[in-house]
Amino acid sequence: MNTDNKEADDMTVPSDLETQARAQAADLSRKAKVAVADKVRDTADAAQSQAAREVQSTADAVGAAAEAFEPGTMQAQAAQVVAGHLEDAAHRVRALDVEQSLRDVSAFARRNPLLFLGGAALAGFAATRFLKASEQGSLDTDRTQMTREAGYGTS
């Protein structure tokens, strides 16, 4: 009976090798999580910087357009207001804490899963429509250009 108990003990008590393997697996898992988090953070920072540059570029273009109008006209004033709002938006994008925003979205998704999934589906549909419309517009532009190059439709 002693032999049976010893075999039962051997099956329930992990060996040193098993313990080391588990420790190494846990360590690798932690390192992988850190590496993935760093990569996601770097990608998010790059996207945030690019978005801020794009918004600032648009603000600069609208500001230049405002200067092209007669000073004091409604068009000049409207363009200046739009340029100011775009510059504010660029500043907010630069100052945005991406990690905090992700935590906020994650907390919202946990509290309101149906609302979050519905919003995500709606955003997906809207993005698909936008991409299809952009693609269709590009195809129409290409067709118009080819028609002009072929000499059709010119007066």
C-alpha atoms as a PDB file:
ATOM      1  CA  MET A   1       0.000   0.000   0.000  1.00  0.00           C
ATOM      2  CA  ASN A   2       2.897   2.261   0.576  1.00  0.00           C
ATOM      3  CA  THR A   3       3.743   1.992  -3.102  1.00  0.00           C
ATOM      4  CA  ASP A   4       0.229   3.056  -4.121  1.00  0.00           C
ATOM      5  CA  ASN A   5       0.353   6.112  -1.860  1.00  0.00           C
ATOM      6  CA  LYS A   6       3.779   7.052  -3.215  1.00  0.00           C
ATOM      7  CA  GLU A   7       2.481   6.840  -6.780  1.00  0.00           C
ATOM      8  CA  ALA A   8      -0.537   8.978  -5.856  1.00  0.00           C
ATOM      9  CA  ASP A   9       1.773  11.534  -4.229  1.00  0.00           C
ATOM     10  CA  ASP A  10       4.000  11.587  -7.325  1.00  0.00           C
ATOM     11  CA  MET A  11       0.984  12.365  -9.488  1.00  0.00           C
ATOM     12  CA  THR A  12      -0.241  15.260  -7.346  1.00  0.00           C
ATOM     13  CA  VAL A  13       3.078  16.911  -6.427  1.00  0.00           C
ATOM     14  CA  PRO A  14       4.665  18.624  -9.412  1.00  0.00           C
ATOM     15  CA  SER A  15       8.279  17.842 -10.059  1.00  0.00           C
ATOM     16  CA  ASP A  16      10.979  20.498 -10.045  1.00  0.00           C
ATOM     17  CA  LEU A  17      11.092  20.263 -13.829  1.00  0.00           C
ATOM     18  CA  GLU A  18       7.347  20.936 -14.100  1.00  0.00           C
ATOM     19  CA  THR A  19       7.634  23.852 -11.698  1.00  0.00           C
ATOM     20  CA  GLN A  20      10.493  25.358 -13.697  1.00  0.00           C
ATOM     21  CA  ALA A  21       8.605  24.861 -16.959  1.00  0.00           C
ATOM     22  CA  ARG A  22       5.545  26.606 -15.535  1.00  0.00           C
ATOM     23  CA  ALA A  23       7.662  29.475 -14.229  1.00  0.00           C
ATOM     24  CA  GLN A  24       9.344  29.887 -17.611  1.00  0.00           C
ATOM     25  CA  ALA A  25       6.000  29.765 -19.410  1.00  0.00           C
ATOM     26  CA  ALA A  26       4.593  32.426 -17.076  1.00  0.00           C
ATOM     27  CA  ASP A  27       7.706  34.574 -17.609  1.00  0.00           C
ATOM     28  CA  LEU A  28       7.444  34.235 -21.391  1.00  0.00           C
ATOM     29  CA  SER A  29       3.767  35.100 -21.195  1.00  0.00           C
ATOM     30  CA  ARG A  30       4.516  38.267 -19.206  1.00  0.00           C
ATOM     31  CA  LYS A  31       7.264  39.271 -21.655  1.00  0.00           C
ATOM     32  CA  ALA A  32       4.959  38.676 -24.627  1.00  0.00           C
ATOM     33  CA  LYS A  33       2.232  40.812 -23.043  1.00  0.00           C
ATOM     34  CA  VAL A  34       4.712  43.633 -22.424  1.00  0.00           C
ATOM     35  CA  ALA A  35       6.049  43.393 -25.996  1.00  0.00           C
ATOM     36  CA  VAL A  36       2.538  43.446 -27.469  1.00  0.00           C
ATOM     37  CA  ALA A  37       1.492  46.346 -25.235  1.00  0.00           C
ATOM     38  CA  ASP A  38       4.603  48.297 -26.280  1.00  0.00           C
ATOM     39  CA  LYS A  39       3.910  47.639 -29.963  1.00  0.00           C
ATOM     40  CA  VAL A  40       0.261  48.668 -29.614  1.00  0.00           C
ATOM     41  CA  ARG A  41       1.299  51.808 -27.724  1.00  0.00           C
ATOM     42  CA  ASP A  42       3.873  52.707 -30.407  1.00  0.00           C
ATOM     43  CA  THR A  43       1.343  52.128 -33.189  1.00  0.00           C
ATOM     44  CA  ALA A  44      -1.294  54.198 -31.394  1.00  0.00           C
ATOM     45  CA  ASP A  45       1.204  57.021 -30.786  1.00  0.00           C
ATOM     46  CA  ALA A  46       2.196  57.017 -34.470  1.00  0.00           C
ATOM     47  CA  ALA A  47      -1.460  57.071 -35.553  1.00  0.00           C
ATOM     48  CA  GLN A  48      -2.210  59.864 -33.084  1.00  0.00           C
ATOM     49  CA  SER A  49       0.701  61.938 -34.390  1.00  0.00           C
ATOM     50  CA  GLN A  50      -0.333  61.344 -37.998  1.00  0.00           C
ATOM     51  CA  ALA A  51      -3.930  62.313 -37.258  1.00  0.00           C
ATOM     52  CA  ALA A  52      -2.792  65.499 -35.507  1.00  0.00           C
ATOM     53  CA  ARG A  53      -0.556  66.379 -38.484  1.00  0.00           C
ATOM     54  CA  GLU A  54      -3.422  65.808 -40.930  1.00  0.00           C
ATOM     55  CA  VAL A  55      -5.832  67.960 -38.933  1.00  0.00           C
ATOM     56  CA  GLN A  56      -3.199  70.688 -38.553  1.00  0.00           C
ATOM     57  CA  SER A  57      -2.476  70.557 -42.287  1.00  0.00           C
ATOM     58  CA  THR A  58      -6.170  70.986 -43.017  1.00  0.00           C
ATOM     59  CA  ALA A  59      -6.327  73.901 -40.549  1.00  0.00           C
ATOM     60  CA  ASP A  60      -3.368  75.516 -42.313  1.00  0.00           C
ATOM     61  CA  ALA A  61      -5.027  75.067 -45.719  1.00  0.00           C
ATOM     62  CA  VAL A  62      -8.299  76.582 -44.480  1.00  0.00           C
ATOM     63  CA  GLY A  63      -6.334  79.437 -42.896  1.00  0.00           C
ATOM     64  CA  ALA A  64      -4.617  80.089 -46.226  1.00  0.00           C
ATOM     65  CA  ALA A  65      -8.003  80.009 -47.956  1.00  0.00           C
ATOM     66  CA  ALA A  66      -9.309  82.557 -45.450  1.00  0.00           C
ATOM     67  CA  GLU A  67      -6.493  84.908 -46.440  1.00  0.00           C
ATOM     68  CA  ALA A  68      -7.451  84.540 -50.108  1.00  0.00           C
ATOM     69  CA  PHE A  69     -10.865  86.100 -49.442  1.00  0.00           C
ATOM     70  CA  GLU A  70     -11.441  89.805 -49.163  1.00  0.00           C
ATOM     71  CA  PRO A  71     -10.712  90.761 -45.521  1.00  0.00           C
ATOM     72  CA  GLY A  72     -13.829  91.140 -43.402  1.00  0.00           C
ATOM     73  CA  THR A  73     -16.123  89.253 -45.760  1.00  0.00           C
ATOM     74  CA  MET A  74     -18.416  86.521 -44.501  1.00  0.00           C
ATOM     75  CA  GLN A  75     -16.364  83.900 -46.369  1.00  0.00           C
ATOM     76  CA  ALA A  76     -13.101  85.064 -44.784  1.00  0.00           C
ATOM     77  CA  GLN A  77     -14.642  85.092 -41.315  1.00  0.00           C
ATOM     78  CA  ALA A  78     -16.205  81.647 -41.777  1.00  0.00           C
ATOM     79  CA  ALA A  79     -12.918  80.199 -43.025  1.00  0.00           C
ATOM     80  CA  GLN A  80     -11.072  81.735 -40.062  1.00  0.00           C
ATOM     81  CA  VAL A  81     -13.561  80.202 -37.624  1.00  0.00           C
ATOM     82  CA  VAL A  82     -13.238  76.795 -39.275  1.00  0.00           C
ATOM     83  CA  ALA A  83      -9.432  77.060 -39.241  1.00  0.00           C
ATOM     84  CA  GLY A  84      -9.513  77.951 -35.543  1.00  0.00           C
ATOM     85  CA  HIS A  85     -11.730  74.976 -34.716  1.00  0.00           C
ATOM     86  CA  LEU A  86      -9.473  72.660 -36.711  1.00  0.00           C
ATOM     87  CA  GLU A  87      -6.397  73.948 -34.885  1.00  0.00           C
ATOM     88  CA  ASP A  88      -8.173  73.300 -31.575  1.00  0.00           C
ATOM     89  CA  ALA A  89      -9.025  69.790 -32.751  1.00  0.00           C
ATOM     90  CA  ALA A  90      -5.384  69.168 -33.731  1.00  0.00           C
ATOM     91  CA  HIS A  91      -4.294  70.293 -30.270  1.00  0.00           C
ATOM     92  CA  ARG A  92      -6.837  67.990 -28.604  1.00  0.00           C
ATOM     93  CA  VAL A  93      -5.667  65.055 -30.731  1.00  0.00           C
ATOM     94  CA  ARG A  94      -2.035  65.731 -29.742  1.00  0.00           C
ATOM     95  CA  ALA A  95      -2.968  65.988 -26.045  1.00  0.00           C
ATOM     96  CA  LEU A  96      -5.218  62.914 -26.063  1.00  0.00           C
ATOM     97  CA  ASP A  97      -4.169  60.174 -23.637  1.00  0.00           C
ATOM     98  CA  VAL A  98      -4.729  57.119 -25.818  1.00  0.00           C
ATOM     99  CA  GLU A  99      -4.314  54.650 -22.962  1.00  0.00           C
ATOM    100  CA  GLN A 100      -6.879  56.468 -20.816  1.00  0.00           C
ATOM    101  CA  SER A 101      -9.261  56.614 -23.761  1.00  0.00           C
ATOM    102  CA  LEU A 102      -8.894  52.874 -24.282  1.00  0.00           C
ATOM    103  CA  ARG A 103      -9.560  52.262 -20.587  1.00  0.00           C
ATOM    104  CA  ASP A 104     -12.651  54.487 -20.785  1.00  0.00           C
ATOM    105  CA  VAL A 105     -13.964  52.664 -23.864  1.00  0.00           C
ATOM    106  CA  SER A 106     -13.243  49.306 -22.249  1.00  0.00           C
ATOM    107  CA  ALA A 107     -15.082  50.295 -19.061  1.00  0.00           C
ATOM    108  CA  PHE A 108     -18.025  51.583 -21.118  1.00  0.00           C
ATOM    109  CA  ALA A 109     -18.120  48.308 -23.092  1.00  0.00           C
ATOM    110  CA  ARG A 110     -18.214  46.296 -19.850  1.00  0.00           C
ATOM    111  CA  ARG A 111     -21.022  48.425 -18.396  1.00  0.00           C
ATOM    112  CA  ASN A 112     -23.059  48.615 -21.637  1.00  0.00           C
ATOM    113  CA  PRO A 113     -22.154  45.638 -23.839  1.00  0.00           C
ATOM    114  CA  LEU A 114     -25.261  45.789 -26.058  1.00  0.00           C
ATOM    115  CA  LEU A 115     -24.946  49.514 -26.627  1.00  0.00           C
ATOM    116  CA  PHE A 116     -21.228  49.145 -27.358  1.00  0.00           C
ATOM    117  CA  LEU A 117     -21.775  46.307 -29.837  1.00  0.00           C
ATOM    118  CA  GLY A 118     -24.589  48.222 -31.515  1.00  0.00           C
ATOM    119  CA  GLY A 119     -22.384  51.299 -31.841  1.00  0.00           C
ATOM    120  CA  ALA A 120     -19.514  49.214 -33.186  1.00  0.00           C
ATOM    121  CA  ALA A 121     -21.820  47.626 -35.768  1.00  0.00           C
ATOM    122  CA  LEU A 122     -23.157  51.033 -36.772  1.00  0.00           C
ATOM    123  CA  ALA A 123     -19.619  52.411 -37.105  1.00  0.00           C
ATOM    124  CA  GLY A 124     -18.691  49.395 -39.225  1.00  0.00           C
ATOM    125  CA  PHE A 125     -21.653  49.922 -41.538  1.00  0.00           C
ATOM    126  CA  ALA A 126     -20.843  53.627 -41.841  1.00  0.00           C
ATOM    127  CA  ALA A 127     -17.173  52.916 -42.585  1.00  0.00           C
ATOM    128  CA  THR A 128     -18.141  50.348 -45.222  1.00  0.00           C
ATOM    129  CA  ARG A 129     -20.510  52.813 -46.870  1.00  0.00           C
ATOM    130  CA  PHE A 130     -17.875  55.529 -46.811  1.00  0.00           C
ATOM    131  CA  LEU A 131     -15.257  53.247 -48.336  1.00  0.00           C
ATOM    132  CA  LYS A 132     -17.659  52.065 -51.048  1.00  0.00           C
ATOM    133  CA  ALA A 133     -18.618  55.657 -51.844  1.00  0.00           C
ATOM    134  CA  SER A 134     -14.945  56.666 -51.978  1.00  0.00           C
ATOM    135  CA  GLU A 135     -14.163  53.718 -54.213  1.00  0.00           C
ATOM    136  CA  GLN A 136     -17.100  54.537 -56.500  1.00  0.00           C
ATOM    137  CA  GLY A 137     -16.009  58.186 -56.683  1.00  0.00           C
ATOM    138  CA  SER A 138     -12.503  57.093 -57.595  1.00  0.00           C
ATOM    139  CA  LEU A 139     -13.855  54.794 -60.322  1.00  0.00           C
ATOM    140  CA  ASP A 140     -16.015  57.630 -61.706  1.00  0.00           C
ATOM    141  CA  THR A 141     -12.983  59.951 -61.756  1.00  0.00           C
ATOM    142  CA  ASP A 142     -10.895  57.297 -63.520  1.00  0.00           C
ATOM    143  CA  ARG A 143     -13.637  56.766 -66.141  1.00  0.00           C
ATOM    144  CA  THR A 144     -13.946  60.521 -66.711  1.00  0.00           C
ATOM    145  CA  GLN A 145     -10.188  60.844 -67.112  1.00  0.00           C
ATOM    146  CA  MET A 146     -10.050  57.905 -69.565  1.00  0.00           C
ATOM    147  CA  THR A 147     -12.949  59.389 -71.532  1.00  0.00           C
ATOM    148  CA  ARG A 148     -11.154  62.723 -71.802  1.00  0.00           C
ATOM    149  CA  GLU A 149      -7.894  61.055 -72.809  1.00  0.00           C
ATOM    150  CA  ALA A 150      -9.716  59.114 -75.522  1.00  0.00           C
ATOM    151  CA  GLY A 151     -11.180  62.358 -76.872  1.00  0.00           C
ATOM    152  CA  TYR A 152     -14.801  61.628 -75.981  1.00  0.00           C
ATOM    153  CA  GLY A 153     -17.022  64.126 -74.305  1.00  0.00           C
ATOM    154  CA  THR A 154     -14.859  67.143 -75.086  1.00  0.00           C
ATOM    155  CA  SER A 155     -16.381  70.265 -76.573  1.00  0.00           C
END
